[in-house]
Protein backbone atom coordinates (compact mmCIF):
# COMPACT_ATOMS: atom_id res chain seq x y z
CA MET A 1 35.74 56.90 1.56
CA ALA A 2 34.17 59.58 -0.84
CA LYS A 3 33.73 58.46 -4.51
CA LEU A 4 36.42 59.86 -6.84
CA LYS A 5 35.48 62.63 -9.42
CA THR A 6 36.55 61.55 -12.78
CA GLY A 7 38.88 63.85 -14.22
CA ARG A 8 42.52 64.29 -15.03
CA HIS A 9 43.93 63.94 -11.94
CA THR A 10 42.07 60.56 -11.12
CA SER A 11 45.10 58.47 -11.75
CA GLY A 12 46.89 60.73 -9.54
CA ILE A 13 44.53 60.06 -6.55
CA LYS A 14 44.78 56.54 -7.00
CA ALA A 15 48.69 56.71 -6.95
CA TRP A 16 48.69 58.90 -4.05
CA ARG A 17 46.63 56.02 -2.25
CA LYS A 18 48.71 53.39 -3.31
CA SER A 19 52.03 55.13 -1.97
CA GLU A 20 50.45 55.60 1.41
CA ARG A 21 49.57 51.95 1.78
CA LEU A 22 53.31 51.11 0.56
CA ALA A 23 55.08 53.79 3.03
CA SER A 24 52.93 52.31 5.84
CA ARG A 25 54.04 48.94 5.15
CA ASN A 26 57.63 49.67 4.71
CA ARG A 27 57.47 51.74 7.94
CA GLY A 28 56.46 48.71 9.84
CA VAL A 29 59.19 46.56 8.04
CA LYS A 30 61.83 49.33 9.12
CA THR A 31 60.53 49.47 12.40
CA ARG A 32 60.85 45.73 13.22
CA ILE A 33 64.57 46.14 11.57
CA HIS A 34 65.39 49.15 14.08
CA ASP A 35 64.13 47.25 17.11
CA ALA A 36 65.79 43.98 16.12
CA ALA A 37 69.18 45.61 15.89
CA ARG A 38 68.49 47.66 18.91
CA GLU A 39 68.19 44.45 20.98
CA PHE A 40 71.25 43.05 19.05
CA GLY A 41 72.96 46.13 20.24
CA VAL A 42 72.17 45.59 23.94
CA LEU A 43 72.97 42.16 23.67
CA VAL A 44 76.39 43.65 22.38
CA ALA A 45 76.83 46.00 25.02
CA LYS A 46 76.16 43.35 27.89
CA LYS A 47 78.88 41.10 25.72
CA ASP A 48 75.96 38.10 25.96
CA ILE A 49 77.49 36.91 22.98
CA GLU A 50 75.52 33.50 22.69
CA SER A 51 72.02 35.30 22.78
CA ALA A 52 73.58 37.89 20.30
CA GLN A 53 74.35 35.39 17.70
CA LYS A 54 71.31 33.55 17.93
CA LEU A 55 69.41 36.83 17.34
CA LEU A 56 71.77 37.54 14.46
CA PRO A 57 70.22 35.38 11.96
CA ARG A 58 66.74 36.55 12.37
CA VAL A 59 68.29 40.64 12.24
CA TYR A 60 69.91 39.27 8.73
CA ALA A 61 66.57 37.56 7.52
CA LEU A 62 64.72 40.87 8.04
CA LEU A 63 67.45 43.12 6.00
CA ASP A 64 67.71 40.56 3.08
CA LYS A 65 63.32 40.43 3.06
CA ALA A 66 63.22 44.23 3.17
CA ALA A 67 66.05 44.31 0.22
CA LYS A 68 64.25 41.85 -1.56
CA THR A 69 60.75 43.56 -1.53
CA GLY A 70 62.63 47.03 -2.66
CA THR A 71 61.94 48.59 1.08
CA LEU A 72 65.57 49.11 1.58
CA HIS A 73 68.37 49.04 -0.99
CA TRP A 74 70.10 45.80 -1.38
CA LYS A 75 73.35 47.41 -0.72
CA ALA A 76 72.16 49.38 2.45
CA ALA A 77 71.11 46.10 3.49
CA ALA A 78 74.49 44.68 3.25
CA ARG A 79 76.08 47.51 4.92
CA LYS A 80 73.91 46.97 7.91
CA LYS A 81 74.49 43.40 8.22
CA SER A 82 78.33 44.33 7.71
CA ARG A 83 78.42 46.22 10.33
CA LEU A 84 76.58 44.11 12.91
CA ALA A 85 78.77 41.18 11.98
CA LEU A 86 81.95 43.86 12.63
CA ARG A 87 80.26 44.42 16.35
CA ILE A 88 80.10 40.91 17.54
CA LYS A 89 83.48 40.04 15.91
CA SER A 90 84.94 43.13 18.18
CA ILE A 91 83.27 41.55 21.57
CA ALA A 92 84.32 38.01 20.41
CA GLY A 93 87.83 38.85 20.51
CA GLY A 94 88.84 38.47 16.48
CA PRO A 95 90.86 40.70 15.03
CA VAL A 96 88.42 43.50 13.86
CA THR A 97 89.58 44.41 10.10
CA LYS A 98 87.79 47.54 8.46
């Protein structure tokens, strides 16, 4: 990495570096959430309720951690958790209310 030139935009360069680091971290978190949710969706499509119920707490934990650190808005995380619960409820045979 080249040495920073001192001047008016030094703080801007540092802020850009920081935003790149945070974006990279957030991208990894969101990818893990997406992959776990997709795996959950596959289990729901196969109607494998036991495996889906075992995976659900792991997906919930990923969403909660992302909301806690600010990667995801807490209402977005709650909405995603609600939709996952609705999907498992629909194959479990319970009444689905929206």
